[in-house]
């Protein structure tokens, strides 16, 4: 989603939110917060299934997952297919083996 037109709109909203507290609050409450909560649930499900080791600091792991995507989104770099998989494989090298 971030590599297409929706990503461009999202990048514009994120940039604008730096100057608009209400927009920043809305993005965090309606998009970023729920997305992060979903990610915590997915991480816990993967831990429970024995797919990844226990996650000591889920907030940091979430930043490590989304950081490269946001960086590329905001700088206009390509978000190539498979980037998310590469990030997860780097964070959890034993997963899926």
N, C-alpha and C. Protein backbone atom coordinates (compact mmCIF):
# COMPACT_ATOMS: atom_id res chain seq x y z
N UNK A 1 0.83 -1.20 0.00
CA UNK A 1 0.00 0.00 0.00
C UNK A 1 0.86 1.25 0.00
N UNK A 2 1.96 1.23 0.77
CA UNK A 2 2.80 2.42 0.88
C UNK A 2 3.56 2.73 -0.40
N UNK A 3 3.70 1.75 -1.28
CA UNK A 3 4.48 2.00 -2.50
C UNK A 3 3.62 2.58 -3.62
N UNK A 4 2.32 2.69 -3.42
CA UNK A 4 1.45 3.22 -4.46
C UNK A 4 0.93 4.61 -4.14
N UNK A 5 -0.14 4.99 -4.81
CA UNK A 5 -0.73 6.32 -4.61
C UNK A 5 -1.15 6.58 -3.17
N UNK A 6 -1.64 5.53 -2.48
CA UNK A 6 -2.02 5.72 -1.07
C UNK A 6 -0.82 6.12 -0.23
N UNK A 7 0.34 5.57 -0.56
CA UNK A 7 1.56 5.92 0.16
C UNK A 7 1.92 7.38 -0.01
N UNK A 8 1.71 7.89 -1.22
CA UNK A 8 2.01 9.31 -1.47
C UNK A 8 1.09 10.20 -0.64
N UNK A 9 -0.18 9.84 -0.58
CA UNK A 9 -1.14 10.61 0.22
C UNK A 9 -0.74 10.53 1.69
N UNK A 10 -0.39 9.32 2.15
CA UNK A 10 0.01 9.15 3.54
C UNK A 10 1.25 9.98 3.86
N UNK A 11 2.23 9.98 2.97
CA UNK A 11 3.45 10.78 3.19
C UNK A 11 3.10 12.25 3.31
N UNK A 12 2.19 12.73 2.48
CA UNK A 12 1.77 14.13 2.57
C UNK A 12 1.07 14.42 3.90
N UNK A 13 0.24 13.48 4.35
CA UNK A 13 -0.44 13.66 5.64
C UNK A 13 0.55 13.68 6.79
N UNK A 14 1.53 12.77 6.76
CA UNK A 14 2.54 12.74 7.82
C UNK A 14 3.32 14.04 7.83
N UNK A 15 3.73 14.51 6.67
CA UNK A 15 4.48 15.76 6.59
C UNK A 15 3.65 16.93 7.11
N UNK A 16 2.39 16.98 6.71
CA UNK A 16 1.52 18.07 7.16
C UNK A 16 1.25 17.99 8.66
N UNK A 17 1.24 16.78 9.20
CA UNK A 17 0.93 16.62 10.62
C UNK A 17 2.01 17.21 11.52
N UNK A 18 3.20 17.41 10.98
CA UNK A 18 4.27 18.04 11.77
C UNK A 18 3.92 19.48 12.13
N UNK A 19 2.99 20.07 11.38
CA UNK A 19 2.63 21.46 11.57
C UNK A 19 1.18 21.63 12.02
N UNK A 20 0.49 20.51 12.26
CA UNK A 20 -0.93 20.56 12.61
C UNK A 20 -1.18 19.52 13.70
N UNK A 21 -1.33 19.99 14.94
CA UNK A 21 -1.50 19.08 16.08
C UNK A 21 -2.74 18.21 15.96
N UNK A 22 -3.82 18.78 15.45
CA UNK A 22 -5.06 18.01 15.32
C UNK A 22 -4.88 16.89 14.30
N UNK A 23 -4.22 17.17 13.19
CA UNK A 23 -3.97 16.15 12.18
C UNK A 23 -3.05 15.07 12.75
N UNK A 24 -2.02 15.49 13.48
CA UNK A 24 -1.10 14.53 14.09
C UNK A 24 -1.85 13.62 15.06
N UNK A 25 -2.70 14.19 15.87
CA UNK A 25 -3.48 13.41 16.83
C UNK A 25 -4.40 12.44 16.10
N UNK A 26 -5.07 12.91 15.06
CA UNK A 26 -5.97 12.04 14.30
C UNK A 26 -5.22 10.89 13.64
N UNK A 27 -4.07 11.18 13.05
CA UNK A 27 -3.27 10.11 12.43
C UNK A 27 -2.85 9.07 13.46
N UNK A 28 -2.42 9.54 14.61
CA UNK A 28 -1.97 8.62 15.66
C UNK A 28 -3.12 7.80 16.23
N UNK A 29 -4.26 8.43 16.44
CA UNK A 29 -5.39 7.73 17.04
C UNK A 29 -6.10 6.80 16.05
N UNK A 30 -6.21 7.22 14.80
CA UNK A 30 -7.03 6.48 13.85
C UNK A 30 -6.23 5.56 12.93
N UNK A 31 -4.94 5.80 12.80
CA UNK A 31 -4.18 4.98 11.87
C UNK A 31 -2.96 4.35 12.53
N UNK A 32 -2.05 5.17 13.00
CA UNK A 32 -0.80 4.63 13.55
C UNK A 32 -1.03 3.79 14.81
N UNK A 33 -1.82 4.29 15.73
CA UNK A 33 -2.06 3.55 16.97
C UNK A 33 -2.68 2.18 16.71
N UNK A 34 -3.79 2.12 15.96
CA UNK A 34 -4.38 0.81 15.67
C UNK A 34 -3.43 -0.11 14.90
N UNK A 35 -2.66 0.44 13.96
CA UNK A 35 -1.72 -0.38 13.21
C UNK A 35 -0.67 -0.97 14.15
N UNK A 36 -0.17 -0.18 15.06
CA UNK A 36 0.83 -0.68 16.03
C UNK A 36 0.22 -1.72 16.96
N UNK A 37 -1.02 -1.50 17.40
CA UNK A 37 -1.68 -2.49 18.26
C UNK A 37 -1.87 -3.81 17.52
N UNK A 38 -2.24 -3.73 16.24
CA UNK A 38 -2.37 -4.94 15.42
C UNK A 38 -1.02 -5.66 15.31
N UNK A 39 0.04 -4.88 15.15
CA UNK A 39 1.37 -5.46 15.01
C UNK A 39 1.80 -6.15 16.31
N UNK A 40 1.49 -5.55 17.45
CA UNK A 40 1.80 -6.19 18.73
C UNK A 40 1.06 -7.53 18.84
N UNK A 41 -0.20 -7.55 18.43
CA UNK A 41 -0.96 -8.80 18.46
C UNK A 41 -0.36 -9.85 17.53
N UNK A 42 0.07 -9.43 16.35
CA UNK A 42 0.70 -10.36 15.41
C UNK A 42 2.03 -10.89 15.95
N UNK A 43 2.81 -10.01 16.56
CA UNK A 43 4.07 -10.44 17.17
C UNK A 43 3.81 -11.46 18.26
N UNK A 44 2.82 -11.19 19.12
CA UNK A 44 2.51 -12.11 20.21
C UNK A 44 2.01 -13.45 19.67
N UNK A 45 1.21 -13.40 18.62
CA UNK A 45 0.74 -14.65 18.01
C UNK A 45 1.91 -15.47 17.46
N UNK A 46 2.88 -14.78 16.86
CA UNK A 46 4.06 -15.47 16.33
C UNK A 46 4.89 -16.06 17.47
N UNK A 47 4.99 -15.33 18.58
CA UNK A 47 5.70 -15.86 19.77
C UNK A 47 4.97 -17.09 20.28
N UNK A 48 3.64 -16.97 20.44
CA UNK A 48 2.84 -18.08 20.96
C UNK A 48 2.93 -19.32 20.07
N UNK A 49 3.07 -19.11 18.77
CA UNK A 49 3.17 -20.23 17.82
C UNK A 49 4.59 -20.77 17.72
N UNK A 50 5.52 -20.15 18.45
CA UNK A 50 6.91 -20.60 18.40
C UNK A 50 7.64 -20.20 17.13
N UNK A 51 7.09 -19.23 16.40
CA UNK A 51 7.70 -18.80 15.15
C UNK A 51 8.84 -17.81 15.36
N UNK A 52 8.75 -17.03 16.43
CA UNK A 52 9.80 -16.07 16.77
C UNK A 52 10.06 -16.14 18.27
N UNK A 53 11.23 -15.70 18.70
CA UNK A 53 11.50 -15.69 20.14
C UNK A 53 10.67 -14.60 20.83
N UNK A 54 10.54 -14.69 22.15
CA UNK A 54 9.80 -13.65 22.88
C UNK A 54 10.35 -12.26 22.57
N UNK A 55 9.45 -11.32 22.48
CA UNK A 55 9.80 -9.94 22.16
C UNK A 55 9.84 -9.15 23.47
N UNK A 56 11.05 -8.70 23.82
CA UNK A 56 11.24 -7.97 25.08
C UNK A 56 10.67 -6.55 25.02
N UNK A 57 10.83 -5.89 23.88
CA UNK A 57 10.42 -4.50 23.75
C UNK A 57 9.62 -4.34 22.44
N UNK A 58 8.31 -4.65 22.48
CA UNK A 58 7.53 -4.59 21.24
C UNK A 58 7.51 -3.22 20.58
N UNK A 59 7.55 -2.15 21.37
CA UNK A 59 7.53 -0.80 20.77
C UNK A 59 8.78 -0.59 19.91
N UNK A 60 9.92 -1.04 20.39
CA UNK A 60 11.15 -0.91 19.61
C UNK A 60 11.11 -1.77 18.36
N UNK A 61 10.59 -2.99 18.49
CA UNK A 61 10.48 -3.86 17.32
C UNK A 61 9.56 -3.23 16.27
N UNK A 62 8.47 -2.63 16.71
CA UNK A 62 7.56 -1.96 15.78
C UNK A 62 8.27 -0.82 15.06
N UNK A 63 9.05 -0.04 15.80
CA UNK A 63 9.82 1.04 15.16
C UNK A 63 10.81 0.48 14.14
N UNK A 64 11.40 -0.66 14.47
CA UNK A 64 12.37 -1.28 13.56
C UNK A 64 11.69 -1.85 12.31
N UNK A 65 10.45 -2.27 12.45
CA UNK A 65 9.71 -2.78 11.29
C UNK A 65 9.26 -1.63 10.40
N UNK A 66 8.64 -0.62 11.00
CA UNK A 66 8.05 0.46 10.20
C UNK A 66 9.03 1.57 9.84
N UNK A 67 10.11 1.71 10.60
CA UNK A 67 11.07 2.78 10.34
C UNK A 67 11.59 2.82 8.91
N UNK A 68 12.09 1.69 8.39
CA UNK A 68 12.59 1.71 7.01
C UNK A 68 11.51 2.04 5.99
N UNK A 69 10.29 1.59 6.24
CA UNK A 69 9.20 1.90 5.32
C UNK A 69 8.90 3.39 5.32
N UNK A 70 8.80 3.97 6.53
CA UNK A 70 8.53 5.40 6.63
C UNK A 70 9.68 6.22 6.04
N UNK A 71 10.89 5.80 6.29
CA UNK A 71 12.05 6.51 5.75
C UNK A 71 11.98 6.57 4.23
N UNK A 72 11.74 5.44 3.62
CA UNK A 72 11.66 5.41 2.14
C UNK A 72 10.45 6.19 1.64
N UNK A 73 9.37 6.08 2.35
CA UNK A 73 8.17 6.81 1.97
C UNK A 73 8.43 8.32 1.98
N UNK A 74 9.08 8.79 3.04
CA UNK A 74 9.28 10.23 3.19
C UNK A 74 10.39 10.77 2.29
N UNK A 75 11.33 9.93 1.88
CA UNK A 75 12.41 10.41 1.01
C UNK A 75 12.14 10.13 -0.47
N UNK A 76 11.05 9.42 -0.75
CA UNK A 76 10.71 9.13 -2.13
C UNK A 76 11.45 7.93 -2.70
N UNK A 77 12.21 7.24 -1.85
CA UNK A 77 12.90 6.03 -2.33
C UNK A 77 11.88 4.94 -2.60
N UNK A 78 12.23 4.03 -3.48
CA UNK A 78 11.34 2.93 -3.82
C UNK A 78 11.14 2.01 -2.62
N UNK A 79 9.93 1.59 -2.43
CA UNK A 79 9.62 0.55 -1.46
C UNK A 79 9.41 -0.71 -2.28
N UNK A 80 10.50 -1.45 -2.43
CA UNK A 80 10.45 -2.60 -3.32
C UNK A 80 9.65 -3.74 -2.70
N UNK A 81 9.04 -4.57 -3.56
CA UNK A 81 8.32 -5.73 -3.05
C UNK A 81 9.27 -6.60 -2.22
N UNK A 82 8.77 -7.11 -1.14
CA UNK A 82 9.59 -7.97 -0.29
C UNK A 82 10.37 -7.24 0.78
N UNK A 83 10.31 -5.91 0.82
CA UNK A 83 11.06 -5.17 1.83
C UNK A 83 10.61 -5.56 3.24
N UNK A 84 9.31 -5.67 3.44
CA UNK A 84 8.80 -6.04 4.77
C UNK A 84 9.32 -7.42 5.17
N UNK A 85 9.32 -8.35 4.23
CA UNK A 85 9.85 -9.69 4.52
C UNK A 85 11.33 -9.62 4.89
N UNK A 86 12.09 -8.81 4.16
CA UNK A 86 13.52 -8.67 4.45
C UNK A 86 13.75 -8.09 5.84
N UNK A 87 12.93 -7.13 6.23
CA UNK A 87 13.05 -6.53 7.56
C UNK A 87 12.79 -7.60 8.63
N UNK A 88 11.71 -8.36 8.45
CA UNK A 88 11.36 -9.39 9.43
C UNK A 88 12.42 -10.49 9.50
N UNK A 89 12.95 -10.87 8.35
CA UNK A 89 14.01 -11.90 8.32
C UNK A 89 15.27 -11.40 9.02
N UNK A 90 15.53 -10.12 8.93
CA UNK A 90 16.70 -9.54 9.61
C UNK A 90 16.47 -9.50 11.12
N UNK A 91 15.27 -9.12 11.54
CA UNK A 91 14.95 -9.06 12.96
C UNK A 91 14.85 -10.44 13.59
N UNK A 92 14.32 -11.38 12.84
CA UNK A 92 14.07 -12.73 13.37
C UNK A 92 14.64 -13.77 12.41
N UNK A 93 15.97 -13.89 12.35
CA UNK A 93 16.60 -14.77 11.37
C UNK A 93 16.21 -16.24 11.49
N UNK A 94 15.81 -16.68 12.66
CA UNK A 94 15.45 -18.10 12.81
C UNK A 94 13.99 -18.37 12.47
N UNK A 95 13.21 -17.33 12.22
CA UNK A 95 11.79 -17.51 11.92
C UNK A 95 11.62 -18.23 10.60
N UNK A 96 10.68 -19.15 10.57
CA UNK A 96 10.37 -19.86 9.34
C UNK A 96 11.36 -20.95 8.98
N UNK A 97 12.34 -21.21 9.83
CA UNK A 97 13.32 -22.25 9.52
C UNK A 97 13.05 -23.50 10.30
